[in-house]
């Protein structure tokens, strides 16, 4: 069910793209191609930045605490 819905969304997106391109001339469609590539590159770059920030935050949270031993409890041996 979910796969079928995803395929329908992709098909609808393709039709939408064709409809927008039909509104413009062939010369303008060349500009749309360039804009599309740039937006995709910006999105990939943004995702890359977010992922690297998440990784550094995760390292910052887990690294120093484990090294300092802040999570350890003191036990007296009698």
N, C-alpha and C. Protein backbone atom coordinates (compact mmCIF):
# COMPACT_ATOMS: atom_id res chain seq x y z
N UNK A 1 0.82 -1.19 0.00
CA UNK A 1 0.00 0.00 0.00
C UNK A 1 0.87 1.26 0.00
N UNK A 2 1.86 1.30 0.90
CA UNK A 2 2.71 2.48 0.98
C UNK A 2 3.55 2.64 -0.29
N UNK A 3 4.01 1.53 -0.83
CA UNK A 3 4.82 1.58 -2.05
C UNK A 3 4.00 2.10 -3.22
N UNK A 4 2.77 1.62 -3.30
CA UNK A 4 1.88 2.07 -4.38
C UNK A 4 1.62 3.57 -4.27
N UNK A 5 1.40 4.05 -3.05
CA UNK A 5 1.16 5.47 -2.83
C UNK A 5 2.40 6.28 -3.20
N UNK A 6 3.58 5.79 -2.85
CA UNK A 6 4.82 6.50 -3.18
C UNK A 6 5.01 6.57 -4.69
N UNK A 7 4.69 5.49 -5.38
CA UNK A 7 4.81 5.49 -6.84
C UNK A 7 3.83 6.49 -7.46
N UNK A 8 2.64 6.58 -6.91
CA UNK A 8 1.66 7.54 -7.42
C UNK A 8 2.12 8.98 -7.17
N UNK A 9 2.74 9.22 -6.02
CA UNK A 9 3.28 10.55 -5.75
C UNK A 9 4.37 10.91 -6.74
N UNK A 10 5.24 9.96 -7.05
CA UNK A 10 6.30 10.22 -8.03
C UNK A 10 5.72 10.51 -9.40
N UNK A 11 4.71 9.74 -9.79
CA UNK A 11 4.06 9.96 -11.08
C UNK A 11 3.40 11.33 -11.12
N UNK A 12 2.73 11.71 -10.03
CA UNK A 12 2.09 13.02 -9.96
C UNK A 12 3.13 14.14 -10.05
N UNK A 13 4.29 13.93 -9.42
CA UNK A 13 5.37 14.92 -9.50
C UNK A 13 5.88 15.09 -10.91
N UNK A 14 5.99 13.97 -11.63
CA UNK A 14 6.43 14.04 -13.03
C UNK A 14 5.43 14.82 -13.88
N UNK A 15 4.14 14.54 -13.67
CA UNK A 15 3.11 15.27 -14.42
C UNK A 15 3.14 16.76 -14.09
N UNK A 16 3.36 17.08 -12.82
CA UNK A 16 3.43 18.47 -12.40
C UNK A 16 4.61 19.18 -13.06
N UNK A 17 5.74 18.49 -13.11
CA UNK A 17 6.93 19.05 -13.75
C UNK A 17 6.66 19.31 -15.24
N UNK A 18 6.02 18.35 -15.90
CA UNK A 18 5.70 18.52 -17.32
C UNK A 18 4.73 19.68 -17.53
N UNK A 19 3.77 19.83 -16.62
CA UNK A 19 2.79 20.91 -16.75
C UNK A 19 3.45 22.28 -16.61
N UNK A 20 4.38 22.42 -15.67
CA UNK A 20 5.08 23.69 -15.49
C UNK A 20 5.94 23.99 -16.70
N UNK A 21 6.62 22.99 -17.21
CA UNK A 21 7.48 23.18 -18.38
C UNK A 21 6.67 23.52 -19.63
N UNK A 22 5.44 23.03 -19.70
CA UNK A 22 4.59 23.33 -20.85
C UNK A 22 4.19 24.80 -20.89
N UNK A 23 4.24 25.46 -19.76
CA UNK A 23 3.88 26.87 -19.71
C UNK A 23 4.95 27.78 -20.32
N UNK A 24 6.19 27.29 -20.37
CA UNK A 24 7.30 28.10 -20.84
C UNK A 24 7.82 27.61 -22.18
N UNK A 25 8.58 28.47 -22.84
CA UNK A 25 9.17 28.10 -24.13
C UNK A 25 10.37 27.17 -23.91
N UNK A 26 10.88 26.62 -25.02
CA UNK A 26 12.03 25.73 -24.93
C UNK A 26 13.26 26.45 -24.38
N UNK A 27 13.39 27.71 -24.73
CA UNK A 27 14.52 28.50 -24.23
C UNK A 27 14.45 28.64 -22.71
N UNK A 28 13.26 28.85 -22.20
CA UNK A 28 13.07 28.98 -20.76
C UNK A 28 13.26 27.63 -20.05
N UNK A 29 12.93 26.55 -20.73
CA UNK A 29 13.11 25.23 -20.13
C UNK A 29 14.58 24.94 -19.85
N UNK A 30 15.46 25.49 -20.67
CA UNK A 30 16.89 25.35 -20.40
C UNK A 30 17.27 26.02 -19.09
N UNK A 31 16.67 27.16 -18.83
CA UNK A 31 16.92 27.85 -17.56
C UNK A 31 16.36 27.03 -16.39
N UNK A 32 15.19 26.43 -16.62
CA UNK A 32 14.60 25.61 -15.56
C UNK A 32 15.48 24.41 -15.23
N UNK A 33 16.14 23.84 -16.24
CA UNK A 33 17.07 22.74 -15.99
C UNK A 33 18.21 23.18 -15.08
N UNK A 34 18.76 24.35 -15.36
CA UNK A 34 19.87 24.87 -14.55
C UNK A 34 19.39 25.14 -13.13
N UNK A 35 18.24 25.74 -12.99
CA UNK A 35 17.70 26.03 -11.67
C UNK A 35 17.46 24.74 -10.89
N UNK A 36 16.92 23.74 -11.56
CA UNK A 36 16.66 22.45 -10.92
C UNK A 36 17.95 21.82 -10.39
N UNK A 37 19.00 21.84 -11.21
CA UNK A 37 20.29 21.28 -10.77
C UNK A 37 20.85 22.04 -9.57
N UNK A 38 20.73 23.36 -9.60
CA UNK A 38 21.25 24.18 -8.50
C UNK A 38 20.48 23.92 -7.20
N UNK A 39 19.17 23.80 -7.29
CA UNK A 39 18.36 23.55 -6.10
C UNK A 39 18.70 22.17 -5.52
N UNK A 40 18.88 21.19 -6.39
CA UNK A 40 19.27 19.86 -5.91
C UNK A 40 20.63 19.90 -5.23
N UNK A 41 21.58 20.62 -5.81
CA UNK A 41 22.91 20.74 -5.21
C UNK A 41 22.84 21.44 -3.85
N UNK A 42 22.01 22.48 -3.76
CA UNK A 42 21.84 23.18 -2.48
C UNK A 42 21.24 22.26 -1.43
N UNK A 43 20.27 21.45 -1.81
CA UNK A 43 19.63 20.53 -0.88
C UNK A 43 20.62 19.48 -0.38
N UNK A 44 21.43 18.93 -1.29
CA UNK A 44 22.43 17.94 -0.90
C UNK A 44 23.46 18.57 0.04
N UNK A 45 23.88 19.78 -0.25
CA UNK A 45 24.84 20.47 0.60
C UNK A 45 24.25 20.73 1.99
N UNK A 46 22.98 21.12 2.03
CA UNK A 46 22.33 21.37 3.31
C UNK A 46 22.25 20.08 4.13
N UNK A 47 21.87 18.98 3.50
CA UNK A 47 21.80 17.70 4.20
C UNK A 47 23.18 17.29 4.72
N UNK A 48 24.19 17.51 3.92
CA UNK A 48 25.56 17.18 4.33
C UNK A 48 25.96 17.98 5.56
N UNK A 49 25.65 19.27 5.58
CA UNK A 49 25.96 20.11 6.73
C UNK A 49 25.22 19.65 7.98
N UNK A 50 23.95 19.33 7.83
CA UNK A 50 23.15 18.88 8.98
C UNK A 50 23.69 17.57 9.52
N UNK A 51 24.04 16.65 8.64
CA UNK A 51 24.57 15.37 9.09
C UNK A 51 25.90 15.54 9.81
N UNK A 52 26.77 16.38 9.30
CA UNK A 52 28.07 16.59 9.95
C UNK A 52 27.88 17.26 11.31
N UNK A 53 26.93 18.20 11.42
CA UNK A 53 26.65 18.82 12.71
C UNK A 53 26.10 17.81 13.70
N UNK A 54 25.25 16.91 13.25
CA UNK A 54 24.71 15.87 14.13
C UNK A 54 25.82 14.95 14.63
N UNK A 55 26.73 14.59 13.74
CA UNK A 55 27.83 13.71 14.14
C UNK A 55 28.75 14.39 15.14
N UNK A 56 29.08 15.66 14.93
CA UNK A 56 29.96 16.34 15.88
C UNK A 56 29.26 16.54 17.21
N UNK A 57 27.95 16.80 17.20
CA UNK A 57 27.20 16.94 18.44
C UNK A 57 27.15 15.62 19.19
N UNK A 58 26.96 14.53 18.47
CA UNK A 58 26.92 13.21 19.10
C UNK A 58 28.28 12.86 19.71
N UNK A 59 29.35 13.19 19.00
CA UNK A 59 30.69 12.94 19.53
C UNK A 59 30.94 13.80 20.76
N UNK A 60 30.49 15.05 20.71
CA UNK A 60 30.69 15.97 21.83
C UNK A 60 29.93 15.49 23.07
N UNK A 61 28.73 14.94 22.87
CA UNK A 61 27.94 14.47 24.00
C UNK A 61 28.49 13.20 24.62
N UNK A 62 28.97 12.29 23.82
CA UNK A 62 29.40 11.00 24.34
C UNK A 62 30.89 10.95 24.70
N UNK A 63 31.71 11.69 23.99
CA UNK A 63 33.16 11.60 24.18
C UNK A 63 33.65 12.10 25.53
N UNK A 64 33.47 13.33 25.89
CA UNK A 64 34.04 13.86 27.13
C UNK A 64 33.47 13.21 28.39
N UNK A 65 32.20 12.87 28.40
CA UNK A 65 31.61 12.26 29.59
C UNK A 65 32.23 10.90 29.87
N UNK A 66 32.44 10.13 28.82
CA UNK A 66 33.03 8.81 29.00
C UNK A 66 34.48 8.93 29.45
N UNK A 67 35.19 9.93 28.94
CA UNK A 67 36.59 10.09 29.30
C UNK A 67 36.74 10.59 30.73
N UNK A 68 35.87 11.48 31.18
CA UNK A 68 35.96 12.04 32.53
C UNK A 68 35.44 11.09 33.59
N UNK A 69 34.61 10.15 33.19
CA UNK A 69 34.04 9.22 34.15
C UNK A 69 32.92 9.83 34.97
N UNK A 70 32.21 10.77 34.44
CA UNK A 70 31.13 11.44 35.15
C UNK A 70 29.94 10.50 35.40
N UNK A 71 29.81 9.48 34.59
CA UNK A 71 28.70 8.56 34.75
C UNK A 71 29.01 7.45 35.75
N UNK A 72 30.25 7.40 36.27
CA UNK A 72 30.65 6.33 37.20
C UNK A 72 30.22 6.68 38.62
N UNK A 73 29.94 5.64 39.42
CA UNK A 73 29.59 5.84 40.81
C UNK A 73 30.77 5.42 41.68
N UNK A 74 30.90 6.06 42.80
CA UNK A 74 31.97 5.73 43.73
C UNK A 74 31.48 4.60 44.62
N UNK A 75 32.31 3.55 44.75
CA UNK A 75 31.96 2.41 45.58
C UNK A 75 33.05 2.23 46.61
N UNK A 76 32.66 2.15 47.87
CA UNK A 76 33.61 1.93 48.97
C UNK A 76 33.74 0.42 49.20
N UNK A 77 34.94 -0.07 49.20
CA UNK A 77 35.18 -1.49 49.46
C UNK A 77 35.68 -1.62 50.89
N UNK A 78 34.97 -2.41 51.70
CA UNK A 78 35.34 -2.57 53.11
C UNK A 78 36.13 -3.80 53.37
